[in-house]
Structure formats: C-alpha cells, structure tokens
Amino acid sequence: HKENSDVLTRLEKALNVYYDSGRAVSEGVPTVKAMASEMCLSPSYFSDLVKKETGCTVQEYIQNKVVFIAKQQLAGSGKSISEIAYDLGFQYPQHFTRMFKTVTGLTPKAYRDSN
C-alpha cells in the first residue's frame, strides 16, 4: 500500500512539474507512457498500481488533473478558453472542451459562467 501511494505522490509531483514548467505547450497533454517513463516503471505496471490505488485509470487520473488546473484557470484568469486549452497541451480547443465536458458534465464556458 505504501508503494502505491508513493507512486501517486510521485505522479502528482510529476504532473505539477510538467504543467508548471510549461512542457505541455510544447509536448502536449501528458501521456500514460510519458508519465510511466518519469516514474521509471513500465506503462502496464504503472497503470495497474494507479488503478489499484485510485480505482481509475492513469488516463482518467491525468484528465482529472487537467480539469482541476483548467477549473482554476477558468475561475481565476481572464484567459480565453482557447488560450487555456493551448496552455494545457491541447492542439485543438475543441478537444479540450469535449474532454472537460466528459469529465464535468459542463462546457468550460458553462463552468466559467457558473463561477
């Protein structure tokens, strides 16, 4: 159990560094393979650990992190939805909007308007 929670802590730190450093703008939304590599684990073993600990896939975990960051930016910045999408590593703002709505049930605009 300690090993699993350590992997989650390391994943959270890796995602924070990824976004804080601006890598998403040049490299895109982080992939399971890239995050597994950061953890020095195989993608399948990494996926199994995260699934066992959280009940969600690594992809879902990454999406939840992206939505968390997006919510902060939507509520606390004057950036357009397109600017936020590009900052988060999306090549097309429509992909960001679709993913955000899938996770939250709201479009980014509806979320911003409700806050």
PDB file of N, CA and C in Angstrom:
ATOM      1  N   HIS A   1       0.836  -1.205   0.000  1.00  0.00           N
ATOM      2  CA  HIS A   1       0.000   0.000   0.000  1.00  0.00           C
ATOM      3  C   HIS A   1       0.869   1.254   0.000  1.00  0.00           C
ATOM      4  N   LYS A   2       1.925   1.270   0.797  1.00  0.00           N
ATOM      5  CA  LYS A   2       2.827   2.427   0.847  1.00  0.00           C
ATOM      6  C   LYS A   2       3.442   2.681  -0.522  1.00  0.00           C
ATOM      7  N   GLU A   3       3.843   1.607  -1.203  1.00  0.00           N
ATOM      8  CA  GLU A   3       4.447   1.736  -2.535  1.00  0.00           C
ATOM      9  C   GLU A   3       3.466   2.385  -3.506  1.00  0.00           C
ATOM     10  N   ASN A   4       2.199   1.964  -3.434  1.00  0.00           N
ATOM     11  CA  ASN A   4       1.186   2.515  -4.332  1.00  0.00           C
ATOM     12  C   ASN A   4       0.958   3.998  -4.072  1.00  0.00           C
ATOM     13  N   SER A   5       0.837   4.384  -2.803  1.00  0.00           N
ATOM     14  CA  SER A   5       0.592   5.795  -2.504  1.00  0.00           C
ATOM     15  C   SER A   5       1.819   6.634  -2.846  1.00  0.00           C
ATOM     16  N   ASP A   6       3.018   6.051  -2.729  1.00  0.00           N
ATOM     17  CA  ASP A   6       4.233   6.751  -3.134  1.00  0.00           C
ATOM     18  C   ASP A   6       4.213   7.022  -4.639  1.00  0.00           C
ATOM     19  N   VAL A   7       3.732   6.068  -5.408  1.00  0.00           N
ATOM     20  CA  VAL A   7       3.633   6.254  -6.857  1.00  0.00           C
ATOM     21  C   VAL A   7       2.652   7.383  -7.163  1.00  0.00           C
ATOM     22  N   LEU A   8       1.541   7.443  -6.441  1.00  0.00           N
ATOM     23  CA  LEU A   8       0.572   8.528  -6.646  1.00  0.00           C
ATOM     24  C   LEU A   8       1.177   9.887  -6.284  1.00  0.00           C
ATOM     25  N   THR A   9       1.924   9.927  -5.198  1.00  0.00           N
ATOM     26  CA  THR A   9       2.594  11.168  -4.793  1.00  0.00           C
ATOM     27  C   THR A   9       3.578  11.598  -5.874  1.00  0.00           C
ATOM     28  N   ARG A  10       4.354  10.652  -6.370  1.00  0.00           N
ATOM     29  CA  ARG A  10       5.323  10.955  -7.432  1.00  0.00           C
ATOM     30  C   ARG A  10       4.621  11.381  -8.718  1.00  0.00           C
ATOM     31  N   LEU A  11       3.495  10.734  -9.043  1.00  0.00           N
ATOM     32  CA  LEU A  11       2.730  11.103 -10.234  1.00  0.00           C
ATOM     33  C   LEU A  11       2.198  12.527 -10.094  1.00  0.00           C
ATOM     34  N   GLU A  12       1.657  12.850  -8.951  1.00  0.00           N
ATOM     35  CA  GLU A  12       1.122  14.196  -8.716  1.00  0.00           C
ATOM     36  C   GLU A  12       2.229  15.236  -8.858  1.00  0.00           C
ATOM     37  N   LYS A  13       3.400  14.948  -8.278  1.00  0.00           N
ATOM     38  CA  LYS A  13       4.539  15.870  -8.399  1.00  0.00           C
ATOM     39  C   LYS A  13       4.978  16.006  -9.860  1.00  0.00           C
ATOM     40  N   ALA A  14       5.043  14.883 -10.560  1.00  0.00           N
ATOM     41  CA  ALA A  14       5.472  14.901 -11.964  1.00  0.00           C
ATOM     42  C   ALA A  14       4.502  15.718 -12.812  1.00  0.00           C
ATOM     43  N   LEU A  15       3.210  15.585 -12.564  1.00  0.00           N
ATOM     44  CA  LEU A  15       2.214  16.362 -13.311  1.00  0.00           C
ATOM     45  C   LEU A  15       2.328  17.855 -12.982  1.00  0.00           C
ATOM     46  N   ASN A  16       2.550  18.161 -11.702  1.00  0.00           N
ATOM     47  CA  ASN A  16       2.720  19.567 -11.315  1.00  0.00           C
ATOM     48  C   ASN A  16       3.939  20.180 -11.999  1.00  0.00           C
ATOM     49  N   VAL A  17       5.049  19.457 -11.995  1.00  0.00           N
ATOM     50  CA  VAL A  17       6.272  19.945 -12.647  1.00  0.00           C
ATOM     51  C   VAL A  17       6.039  20.093 -14.143  1.00  0.00           C
ATOM     52  N   TYR A  18       5.365  19.111 -14.736  1.00  0.00           N
ATOM     53  CA  TYR A  18       5.081  19.129 -16.170  1.00  0.00           C
ATOM     54  C   TYR A  18       4.335  20.404 -16.555  1.00  0.00           C
ATOM     55  N   TYR A  19       3.294  20.709 -15.792  1.00  0.00           N
ATOM     56  CA  TYR A  19       2.495  21.895 -16.122  1.00  0.00           C
ATOM     57  C   TYR A  19       3.154  23.192 -15.661  1.00  0.00           C
ATOM     58  N   ASP A  20       3.794  23.186 -14.508  1.00  0.00           N
ATOM     59  CA  ASP A  20       4.451  24.406 -14.015  1.00  0.00           C
ATOM     60  C   ASP A  20       5.610  24.827 -14.921  1.00  0.00           C
ATOM     61  N   SER A  21       6.268  23.860 -15.534  1.00  0.00           N
ATOM     62  CA  SER A  21       7.422  24.163 -16.385  1.00  0.00           C
ATOM     63  C   SER A  21       7.014  24.588 -17.800  1.00  0.00           C
ATOM     64  N   GLY A  22       5.743  24.428 -18.127  1.00  0.00           N
ATOM     65  CA  GLY A  22       5.284  24.798 -19.459  1.00  0.00           C
ATOM     66  C   GLY A  22       5.513  23.729 -20.521  1.00  0.00           C
ATOM     67  N   ARG A  23       5.894  22.528 -20.097  1.00  0.00           N
ATOM     68  CA  ARG A  23       6.144  21.454 -21.065  1.00  0.00           C
ATOM     69  C   ARG A  23       4.909  21.111 -21.878  1.00  0.00           C
ATOM     70  N   ALA A  24       3.740  21.303 -21.299  1.00  0.00           N
ATOM     71  CA  ALA A  24       2.508  20.941 -22.003  1.00  0.00           C
ATOM     72  C   ALA A  24       2.353  21.728 -23.305  1.00  0.00           C
ATOM     73  N   VAL A  25       2.802  22.973 -23.306  1.00  0.00           N
ATOM     74  CA  VAL A  25       2.673  23.809 -24.501  1.00  0.00           C
ATOM     75  C   VAL A  25       3.459  23.200 -25.663  1.00  0.00           C
ATOM     76  N   SER A  26       4.646  22.690 -25.377  1.00  0.00           N
ATOM     77  CA  SER A  26       5.474  22.133 -26.453  1.00  0.00           C
ATOM     78  C   SER A  26       5.280  20.632 -26.656  1.00  0.00           C
ATOM     79  N   GLU A  27       4.905  19.901 -25.601  1.00  0.00           N
ATOM     80  CA  GLU A  27       4.828  18.443 -25.687  1.00  0.00           C
ATOM     81  C   GLU A  27       3.404  17.885 -25.690  1.00  0.00           C
ATOM     82  N   GLY A  28       2.427  18.712 -25.391  1.00  0.00           N
ATOM     83  CA  GLY A  28       1.041  18.256 -25.373  1.00  0.00           C
ATOM     84  C   GLY A  28       0.615  17.716 -24.024  1.00  0.00           C
ATOM     85  N   VAL A  29      -0.602  17.225 -23.980  1.00  0.00           N
ATOM     86  CA  VAL A  29      -1.148  16.643 -22.755  1.00  0.00           C
ATOM     87  C   VAL A  29      -0.295  15.425 -22.405  1.00  0.00           C
ATOM     88  N   PRO A  30       0.074  15.278 -21.121  1.00  0.00           N
ATOM     89  CA  PRO A  30       0.929  14.133 -20.769  1.00  0.00           C
ATOM     90  C   PRO A  30       0.250  12.797 -21.055  1.00  0.00           C
ATOM     91  N   THR A  31       1.032  11.862 -21.544  1.00  0.00           N
ATOM     92  CA  THR A  31       0.510  10.529 -21.852  1.00  0.00           C
ATOM     93  C   THR A  31       0.841   9.565 -20.727  1.00  0.00           C
ATOM     94  N   VAL A  32       0.144   8.448 -20.719  1.00  0.00           N
ATOM     95  CA  VAL A  32       0.422   7.395 -19.745  1.00  0.00           C
ATOM     96  C   VAL A  32       1.869   6.934 -19.909  1.00  0.00           C
ATOM     97  N   LYS A  33       2.282   6.738 -21.154  1.00  0.00           N
ATOM     98  CA  LYS A  33       3.644   6.262 -21.437  1.00  0.00           C
ATOM     99  C   LYS A  33       4.694   7.251 -20.906  1.00  0.00           C
ATOM    100  N   ALA A  34       4.471   8.545 -21.131  1.00  0.00           N
ATOM    101  CA  ALA A  34       5.428   9.559 -20.670  1.00  0.00           C
ATOM    102  C   ALA A  34       5.496   9.600 -19.145  1.00  0.00           C
ATOM    103  N   MET A  35       4.351   9.515 -18.492  1.00  0.00           N
ATOM    104  CA  MET A  35       4.334   9.556 -17.021  1.00  0.00           C
ATOM    105  C   MET A  35       4.943   8.279 -16.436  1.00  0.00           C
ATOM    106  N   ALA A  36       4.696   7.141 -17.062  1.00  0.00           N
ATOM    107  CA  ALA A  36       5.298   5.887 -16.601  1.00  0.00           C
ATOM    108  C   ALA A  36       6.813   5.976 -16.716  1.00  0.00           C
ATOM    109  N   SER A  37       7.284   6.567 -17.806  1.00  0.00           N
ATOM    110  CA  SER A  37       8.714   6.753 -18.003  1.00  0.00           C
ATOM    111  C   SER A  37       9.302   7.646 -16.912  1.00  0.00           C
ATOM    112  N   GLU A  38       8.580   8.702 -16.549  1.00  0.00           N
ATOM    113  CA  GLU A  38       9.028   9.593 -15.464  1.00  0.00           C
ATOM    114  C   GLU A  38       9.138   8.837 -14.142  1.00  0.00           C
ATOM    115  N   MET A  39       8.256   7.849 -13.963  1.00  0.00           N
ATOM    116  CA  MET A  39       8.244   7.055 -12.733  1.00  0.00           C
ATOM    117  C   MET A  39       9.241   5.892 -12.787  1.00  0.00           C
ATOM    118  N   CYS A  40       9.870   5.727 -13.965  1.00  0.00           N
ATOM    119  CA  CYS A  40      10.774   4.588 -14.196  1.00  0.00           C
ATOM    120  C   CYS A  40      10.042   3.256 -14.024  1.00  0.00           C
ATOM    121  N   LEU A  41       8.819   3.208 -14.540  1.00  0.00           N
ATOM    122  CA  LEU A  41       8.007   1.994 -14.485  1.00  0.00           C
ATOM    123  C   LEU A  41       7.484   1.691 -15.876  1.00  0.00           C
ATOM    124  N   SER A  42       7.138   0.430 -16.094  1.00  0.00           N
ATOM    125  CA  SER A  42       6.505   0.091 -17.371  1.00  0.00           C
ATOM    126  C   SER A  42       5.087   0.665 -17.354  1.00  0.00           C
ATOM    127  N   PRO A  43       4.575   1.052 -18.518  1.00  0.00           N
ATOM    128  CA  PRO A  43       3.216   1.598 -18.555  1.00  0.00           C
ATOM    129  C   PRO A  43       2.159   0.662 -17.959  1.00  0.00           C
ATOM    130  N   SER A  44       2.277  -0.636 -18.226  1.00  0.00           N
ATOM    131  CA  SER A  44       1.254  -1.556 -17.717  1.00  0.00           C
ATOM    132  C   SER A  44       1.340  -1.709 -16.195  1.00  0.00           C
ATOM    133  N   TYR A  45       2.540  -1.818 -15.649  1.00  0.00           N
ATOM    134  CA  TYR A  45       2.692  -1.930 -14.191  1.00  0.00           C
ATOM    135  C   TYR A  45       2.234  -0.634 -13.519  1.00  0.00           C
ATOM    136  N   PHE A  46       2.627   0.488 -14.079  1.00  0.00           N
ATOM    137  CA  PHE A  46       2.227   1.795 -13.576  1.00  0.00           C
ATOM    138  C   PHE A  46       0.699   1.911 -13.580  1.00  0.00           C
ATOM    139  N   SER A  47       0.079   1.514 -14.690  1.00  0.00           N
ATOM    140  CA  SER A  47      -1.382   1.557 -14.802  1.00  0.00           C
ATOM    141  C   SER A  47      -2.043   0.689 -13.740  1.00  0.00           C
ATOM    142  N   ASP A  48      -1.496  -0.506 -13.532  1.00  0.00           N
ATOM    143  CA  ASP A  48      -2.053  -1.409 -12.514  1.00  0.00           C
ATOM    144  C   ASP A  48      -1.976  -0.794 -11.119  1.00  0.00           C
ATOM    145  N   LEU A  49      -0.842  -0.172 -10.784  1.00  0.00           N
ATOM    146  CA  LEU A  49      -0.684   0.437  -9.462  1.00  0.00           C
ATOM    147  C   LEU A  49      -1.693   1.563  -9.245  1.00  0.00           C
ATOM    148  N   VAL A  50      -1.818   2.432 -10.241  1.00  0.00           N
ATOM    149  CA  VAL A  50      -2.734   3.569 -10.114  1.00  0.00           C
ATOM    150  C   VAL A  50      -4.180   3.081 -10.026  1.00  0.00           C
ATOM    151  N   LYS A  51      -4.540   2.112 -10.855  1.00  0.00           N
ATOM    152  CA  LYS A  51      -5.900   1.568 -10.847  1.00  0.00           C
ATOM    153  C   LYS A  51      -6.220   0.943  -9.496  1.00  0.00           C
ATOM    154  N   LYS A  52      -5.264   0.207  -8.941  1.00  0.00           N
ATOM    155  CA  LYS A  52      -5.463  -0.460  -7.656  1.00  0.00           C
ATOM    156  C   LYS A  52      -5.650   0.569  -6.534  1.00  0.00           C
ATOM    157  N   GLU A  53      -4.898   1.644  -6.600  1.00  0.00           N
ATOM    158  CA  GLU A  53      -4.930   2.653  -5.541  1.00  0.00           C
ATOM    159  C   GLU A  53      -6.117   3.603  -5.660  1.00  0.00           C
ATOM    160  N   THR A  54      -6.482   3.991  -6.881  1.00  0.00           N
ATOM    161  CA  THR A  54      -7.491   5.040  -7.058  1.00  0.00           C
ATOM    162  C   THR A  54      -8.820   4.539  -7.621  1.00  0.00           C
ATOM    163  N   GLY A  55      -8.789   3.381  -8.273  1.00  0.00           N
ATOM    164  CA  GLY A  55      -9.994   2.891  -8.922  1.00  0.00           C
ATOM    165  C   GLY A  55     -10.202   3.494 -10.305  1.00  0.00           C
ATOM    166  N   CYS A  56      -9.290   4.391 -10.712  1.00  0.00           N
ATOM    167  CA  CYS A  56      -9.394   4.967 -12.056  1.00  0.00           C
ATOM    168  C   CYS A  56      -8.105   4.687 -12.819  1.00  0.00           C
ATOM    169  N   THR A  57      -8.201   4.786 -14.129  1.00  0.00           N
ATOM    170  CA  THR A  57      -7.028   4.547 -14.963  1.00  0.00           C
ATOM    171  C   THR A  57      -6.077   5.741 -14.879  1.00  0.00           C
ATOM    172  N   VAL A  58      -4.857   5.562 -15.317  1.00  0.00           N
ATOM    173  CA  VAL A  58      -3.890   6.661 -15.346  1.00  0.00           C
ATOM    174  C   VAL A  58      -4.422   7.766 -16.262  1.00  0.00           C
ATOM    175  N   GLN A  59      -5.006   7.370 -17.385  1.00  0.00           N
ATOM    176  CA  GLN A  59      -5.574   8.351 -18.316  1.00  0.00           C
ATOM    177  C   GLN A  59      -6.644   9.197 -17.622  1.00  0.00           C
ATOM    178  N   GLU A  60      -7.520   8.556 -16.861  1.00  0.00           N
ATOM    179  CA  GLU A  60      -8.556   9.277 -16.123  1.00  0.00           C
ATOM    180  C   GLU A  60      -7.922  10.181 -15.056  1.00  0.00           C
ATOM    181  N   TYR A  61      -6.887   9.687 -14.401  1.00  0.00           N
ATOM    182  CA  TYR A  61      -6.200  10.473 -13.378  1.00  0.00           C
ATOM    183  C   TYR A  61      -5.599  11.738 -14.005  1.00  0.00           C
ATOM    184  N   ILE A  62      -4.948  11.566 -15.153  1.00  0.00           N
ATOM    185  CA  ILE A  62      -4.361  12.714 -15.858  1.00  0.00           C
ATOM    186  C   ILE A  62      -5.466  13.684 -16.282  1.00  0.00           C
ATOM    187  N   GLN A  63      -6.555  13.153 -16.826  1.00  0.00           N
ATOM    188  CA  GLN A  63      -7.667  14.016 -17.238  1.00  0.00           C
ATOM    189  C   GLN A  63      -8.230  14.799 -16.043  1.00  0.00           C
ATOM    190  N   ASN A  64      -8.353  14.131 -14.895  1.00  0.00           N
ATOM    191  CA  ASN A  64      -8.857  14.814 -13.699  1.00  0.00           C
ATOM    192  C   ASN A  64      -7.913  15.932 -13.276  1.00  0.00           C
ATOM    193  N   LYS A  65      -6.618  15.701 -13.402  1.00  0.00           N
ATOM    194  CA  LYS A  65      -5.634  16.734 -13.078  1.00  0.00           C
ATOM    195  C   LYS A  65      -5.755  17.903 -14.057  1.00  0.00           C
ATOM    196  N   VAL A  66      -5.892  17.607 -15.335  1.00  0.00           N
ATOM    197  CA  VAL A  66      -6.041  18.643 -16.358  1.00  0.00           C
ATOM    198  C   VAL A  66      -7.299  19.473 -16.072  1.00  0.00           C
ATOM    199  N   VAL A  67      -8.391  18.802 -15.726  1.00  0.00           N
ATOM    200  CA  VAL A  67      -9.644  19.509 -15.421  1.00  0.00           C
ATOM    201  C   VAL A  67      -9.478  20.366 -14.167  1.00  0.00           C
ATOM    202  N   PHE A  68      -8.776  19.859 -13.166  1.00  0.00           N
ATOM    203  CA  PHE A  68      -8.522  20.633 -11.944  1.00  0.00           C
ATOM    204  C   PHE A  68      -7.780  21.929 -12.280  1.00  0.00           C
ATOM    205  N   ILE A  69      -6.727  21.812 -13.082  1.00  0.00           N
ATOM    206  CA  ILE A  69      -5.953  23.000 -13.484  1.00  0.00           C
ATOM    207  C   ILE A  69      -6.830  23.930 -14.323  1.00  0.00           C
ATOM    208  N   ALA A  70      -7.609  23.349 -15.229  1.00  0.00           N
ATOM    209  CA  ALA A  70      -8.490  24.147 -16.092  1.00  0.00           C
ATOM    210  C   ALA A  70      -9.508  24.917 -15.255  1.00  0.00           C
ATOM    211  N   LYS A  71     -10.085  24.264 -14.256  1.00  0.00           N
ATOM    212  CA  LYS A  71     -11.069  24.937 -13.406  1.00  0.00           C
ATOM    213  C   LYS A  71     -10.447  26.139 -12.704  1.00  0.00           C
ATOM    214  N   GLN A  72      -9.217  25.972 -12.208  1.00  0.00           N
ATOM    215  CA  GLN A  72      -8.528  27.089 -11.562  1.00  0.00           C
ATOM    216  C   GLN A  72      -8.346  28.244 -12.535  1.00  0.00           C
ATOM    217  N   GLN A  73      -7.924  27.923 -13.753  1.00  0.00           N
ATOM    218  CA  GLN A  73      -7.681  28.970 -14.742  1.00  0.00           C
ATOM    219  C   GLN A  73      -8.983  29.596 -15.227  1.00  0.00           C
ATOM    220  N   LEU A  74     -10.022  28.809 -15.378  1.00  0.00           N
ATOM    221  CA  LEU A  74     -11.312  29.346 -15.821  1.00  0.00           C
ATOM    222  C   LEU A  74     -11.894  30.302 -14.781  1.00  0.00           C
ATOM    223  N   ALA A  75     -11.720  29.954 -13.512  1.00  0.00           N
ATOM    224  CA  ALA A  75     -12.279  30.780 -12.440  1.00  0.00           C
ATOM    225  C   ALA A  75     -11.384  31.967 -12.099  1.00  0.00           C
ATOM    226  N   GLY A  76     -10.070  31.810 -12.284  1.00  0.00           N
ATOM    227  CA  GLY A  76      -9.165  32.820 -11.757  1.00  0.00           C
ATOM    228  C   GLY A  76      -8.349  33.599 -12.762  1.00  0.00           C
ATOM    229  N   SER A  77      -8.637  33.452 -14.035  1.00  0.00           N
ATOM    230  CA  SER A  77      -7.853  34.210 -15.011  1.00  0.00           C
ATOM    231  C   SER A  77      -8.780  34.749 -16.091  1.00  0.00           C
ATOM    232  N   GLY A  78      -8.297  35.719 -16.784  1.00  0.00           N
ATOM    233  CA  GLY A  78      -9.063  36.292 -17.875  1.00  0.00           C
ATOM    234  C   GLY A  78      -8.745  35.654 -19.210  1.00  0.00           C
ATOM    235  N   LYS A  79      -7.989  34.559 -19.180  1.00  0.00           N
ATOM    236  CA  LYS A  79      -7.607  33.887 -20.427  1.00  0.00           C
ATOM    237  C   LYS A  79      -8.832  33.342 -21.142  1.00  0.00           C
ATOM    238  N   SER A  80      -8.753  33.335 -22.452  1.00  0.00           N
ATOM    239  CA  SER A  80      -9.833  32.722 -23.228  1.00  0.00           C
ATOM    240  C   SER A  80      -9.762  31.205 -23.059  1.00  0.00           C
ATOM    241  N   ILE A  81     -10.846  30.545 -23.397  1.00  0.00           N
ATOM    242  CA  ILE A  81     -10.898  29.082 -23.310  1.00  0.00           C
ATOM    243  C   ILE A  81      -9.864  28.477 -24.250  1.00  0.00           C
ATOM    244  N   SER A  82      -9.682  29.080 -25.413  1.00  0.00           N
ATOM    245  CA  SER A  82      -8.662  28.586 -26.355  1.00  0.00           C
ATOM    246  C   SER A  82      -7.266  28.709 -25.770  1.00  0.00           C
ATOM    247  N   GLU A  83      -6.960  29.852 -25.133  1.00  0.00           N
ATOM    248  CA  GLU A  83      -5.636  30.031 -24.514  1.00  0.00           C
ATOM    249  C   GLU A  83      -5.394  28.985 -23.440  1.00  0.00           C
ATOM    250  N   ILE A  84      -6.407  28.723 -22.631  1.00  0.00           N
ATOM    251  CA  ILE A  84      -6.287  27.707 -21.569  1.00  0.00           C
ATOM    252  C   ILE A  84      -6.052  26.339 -22.197  1.00  0.00           C
ATOM    253  N   ALA A  85      -6.790  26.024 -23.248  1.00  0.00           N
ATOM    254  CA  ALA A  85      -6.632  24.731 -23.926  1.00  0.00           C
ATOM    255  C   ALA A  85      -5.205  24.563 -24.436  1.00  0.00           C
ATOM    256  N   TYR A  86      -4.669  25.591 -25.086  1.00  0.00           N
ATOM    257  CA  TYR A  86      -3.296  25.514 -25.601  1.00  0.00           C
ATOM    258  C   TYR A  86      -2.288  25.393 -24.458  1.00  0.00           C
ATOM    259  N   ASP A  87      -2.489  26.144 -23.377  1.00  0.00           N
ATOM    260  CA  ASP A  87      -1.593  26.069 -22.218  1.00  0.00           C
ATOM    261  C   ASP A  87      -1.581  24.680 -21.597  1.00  0.00           C
ATOM    262  N   LEU A  88      -2.709  23.994 -21.673  1.00  0.00           N
ATOM    263  CA  LEU A  88      -2.816  22.652 -21.093  1.00  0.00           C
ATOM    264  C   LEU A  88      -2.298  21.560 -22.023  1.00  0.00           C
ATOM    265  N   GLY A  89      -1.921  21.957 -23.246  1.00  0.00           N
ATOM    266  CA  GLY A  89      -1.311  20.995 -24.153  1.00  0.00           C
ATOM    267  C   GLY A  89      -2.222  20.453 -25.226  1.00  0.00           C
ATOM    268  N   PHE A  90      -3.405  21.023 -25.365  1.00  0.00           N
ATOM    269  CA  PHE A  90      -4.312  20.560 -26.413  1.00  0.00           C
ATOM    270  C   PHE A  90      -3.971  21.243 -27.718  1.00  0.00           C
ATOM    271  N   GLN A  91      -3.960  20.475 -28.777  1.00  0.00           N
ATOM    272  CA  GLN A  91      -3.671  21.020 -30.098  1.00  0.00           C
ATOM    273  C   GLN A  91      -4.884  21.788 -30.626  1.00  0.00           C
ATOM    274  N   TYR A  92      -6.068  21.319 -30.248  1.00  0.00           N
ATOM    275  CA  TYR A  92      -7.311  21.948 -30.701  1.00  0.00           C
ATOM    276  C   TYR A  92      -8.196  22.233 -29.491  1.00  0.00           C
ATOM    277  N   PRO A  93      -8.702  23.462 -29.351  1.00  0.00           N
ATOM    278  CA  PRO A  93      -9.572  23.796 -28.218  1.00  0.00           C
ATOM    279  C   PRO A  93     -10.819  22.905 -28.133  1.00  0.00           C
ATOM    280  N   GLN A  94     -11.299  22.424 -29.285  1.00  0.00           N
ATOM    281  CA  GLN A  94     -12.480  21.558 -29.270  1.00  0.00           C
ATOM    282  C   GLN A  94     -12.215  20.269 -28.491  1.00  0.00           C
ATOM    283  N   HIS A  95     -10.986  19.748 -28.588  1.00  0.00           N
ATOM    284  CA  HIS A  95     -10.649  18.527 -27.845  1.00  0.00           C
ATOM    285  C   HIS A  95     -10.685  18.789 -26.346  1.00  0.00           C
ATOM    286  N   PHE A  96     -10.182  19.953 -25.947  1.00  0.00           N
ATOM    287  CA  PHE A  96     -10.233  20.350 -24.536  1.00  0.00           C
ATOM    288  C   PHE A  96     -11.681  20.450 -24.074  1.00  0.00           C
ATOM    289  N   THR A  97     -12.506  21.134 -24.865  1.00  0.00           N
ATOM    290  CA  THR A  97     -13.912  21.321 -24.494  1.00  0.00           C
ATOM    291  C   THR A  97     -14.622  19.979 -24.349  1.00  0.00           C
ATOM    292  N   ARG A  98     -14.370  19.069 -25.282  1.00  0.00           N
ATOM    293  CA  ARG A  98     -15.002  17.746 -25.242  1.00  0.00           C
ATOM    294  C   ARG A  98     -14.574  16.975 -23.995  1.00  0.00           C
ATOM    295  N   MET A  99     -13.268  16.969 -23.709  1.00  0.00           N
ATOM    296  CA  MET A  99     -12.771  16.253 -22.535  1.00  0.00           C
ATOM    297  C   MET A  99     -13.306  16.877 -21.244  1.00  0.00           C
ATOM    298  N   PHE A 100     -13.304  18.208 -21.163  1.00  0.00           N
ATOM    299  CA  PHE A 100     -13.790  18.916 -19.978  1.00  0.00           C
ATOM    300  C   PHE A 100     -15.258  18.564 -19.729  1.00  0.00           C
ATOM    301  N   LYS A 101     -16.055  18.569 -20.796  1.00  0.00           N
ATOM    302  CA  LYS A 101     -17.480  18.261 -20.657  1.00  0.00           C
ATOM    303  C   LYS A 101     -17.695  16.799 -20.265  1.00  0.00           C
ATOM    304  N   THR A 102     -16.879  15.902 -20.805  1.00  0.00           N
ATOM    305  CA  THR A 102     -16.995  14.483 -20.450  1.00  0.00           C
ATOM    306  C   THR A 102     -16.741  14.279 -18.958  1.00  0.00           C
ATOM    307  N   VAL A 103     -15.744  14.972 -18.419  1.00  0.00           N
ATOM    308  CA  VAL A 103     -15.367  14.802 -17.014  1.00  0.00           C
ATOM    309  C   VAL A 103     -16.325  15.530 -16.077  1.00  0.00           C
ATOM    310  N   THR A 104     -16.732  16.753 -16.437  1.00  0.00           N
ATOM    311  CA  THR A 104     -17.506  17.589 -15.506  1.00  0.00           C
ATOM    312  C   THR A 104     -18.999  17.650 -15.793  1.00  0.00           C
ATOM    313  N   GLY A 105     -19.384  17.346 -17.038  1.00  0.00           N
ATOM    314  CA  GLY A 105     -20.778  17.498 -17.421  1.00  0.00           C
ATOM    315  C   GLY A 105     -21.110  18.909 -17.894  1.00  0.00           C
ATOM    316  N   LEU A 106     -20.128  19.797 -17.846  1.00  0.00           N
ATOM    317  CA  LEU A 106     -20.301  21.190 -18.272  1.00  0.00           C
ATOM    318  C   LEU A 106     -19.262  21.546 -19.315  1.00  0.00           C
ATOM    319  N   THR A 107     -19.599  22.466 -20.191  1.00  0.00           N
ATOM    320  CA  THR A 107     -18.572  23.005 -21.089  1.00  0.00           C
ATOM    321  C   THR A 107     -17.718  23.971 -20.272  1.00  0.00           C
ATOM    322  N   PRO A 108     -16.499  24.272 -20.715  1.00  0.00           N
ATOM    323  CA  PRO A 108     -15.683  25.257 -19.998  1.00  0.00           C
ATOM    324  C   PRO A 108     -16.400  26.607 -19.841  1.00  0.00           C
ATOM    325  N   LYS A 109     -17.125  27.029 -20.881  1.00  0.00           N
ATOM    326  CA  LYS A 109     -17.854  28.298 -20.802  1.00  0.00           C
ATOM    327  C   LYS A 109     -18.940  28.245 -19.737  1.00  0.00           C
ATOM    328  N   ALA A 110     -19.689  27.158 -19.716  1.00  0.00           N
ATOM    329  CA  ALA A 110     -20.754  27.000 -18.701  1.00  0.00           C
ATOM    330  C   ALA A 110     -20.144  26.975 -17.304  1.00  0.00           C
ATOM    331  N   TYR A 111     -19.003  26.301 -17.150  1.00  0.00           N
ATOM    332  CA  TYR A 111     -18.325  26.273 -15.849  1.00  0.00           C
ATOM    333  C   TYR A 111     -17.904  27.680 -15.440  1.00  0.00           C
ATOM    334  N   ARG A 112     -17.291  28.413 -16.359  1.00  0.00           N
ATOM    335  CA  ARG A 112     -16.839  29.772 -16.068  1.00  0.00           C
ATOM    336  C   ARG A 112     -18.042  30.657 -15.701  1.00  0.00           C
ATOM    337  N   ASP A 113     -19.119  30.538 -16.444  1.00  0.00           N
ATOM    338  CA  ASP A 113     -20.308  31.348 -16.193  1.00  0.00           C
ATOM    339  C   ASP A 113     -20.940  31.036 -14.840  1.00  0.00           C
ATOM    340  N   SER A 114     -20.805  29.810 -14.391  1.00  0.00           N
ATOM    341  CA  SER A 114     -21.419  29.409 -13.107  1.00  0.00           C
ATOM    342  C   SER A 114     -20.575  29.820 -11.893  1.00  0.00           C
ATOM    343  N   ASN A 115     -19.355  30.300 -12.149  1.00  0.00           N
ATOM    344  CA  ASN A 115     -18.489  30.688 -11.017  1.00  0.00           C
ATOM    345  C   ASN A 115     -18.302  32.170 -10.949  1.00  0.00           C
TER     346      ASN A 115
END
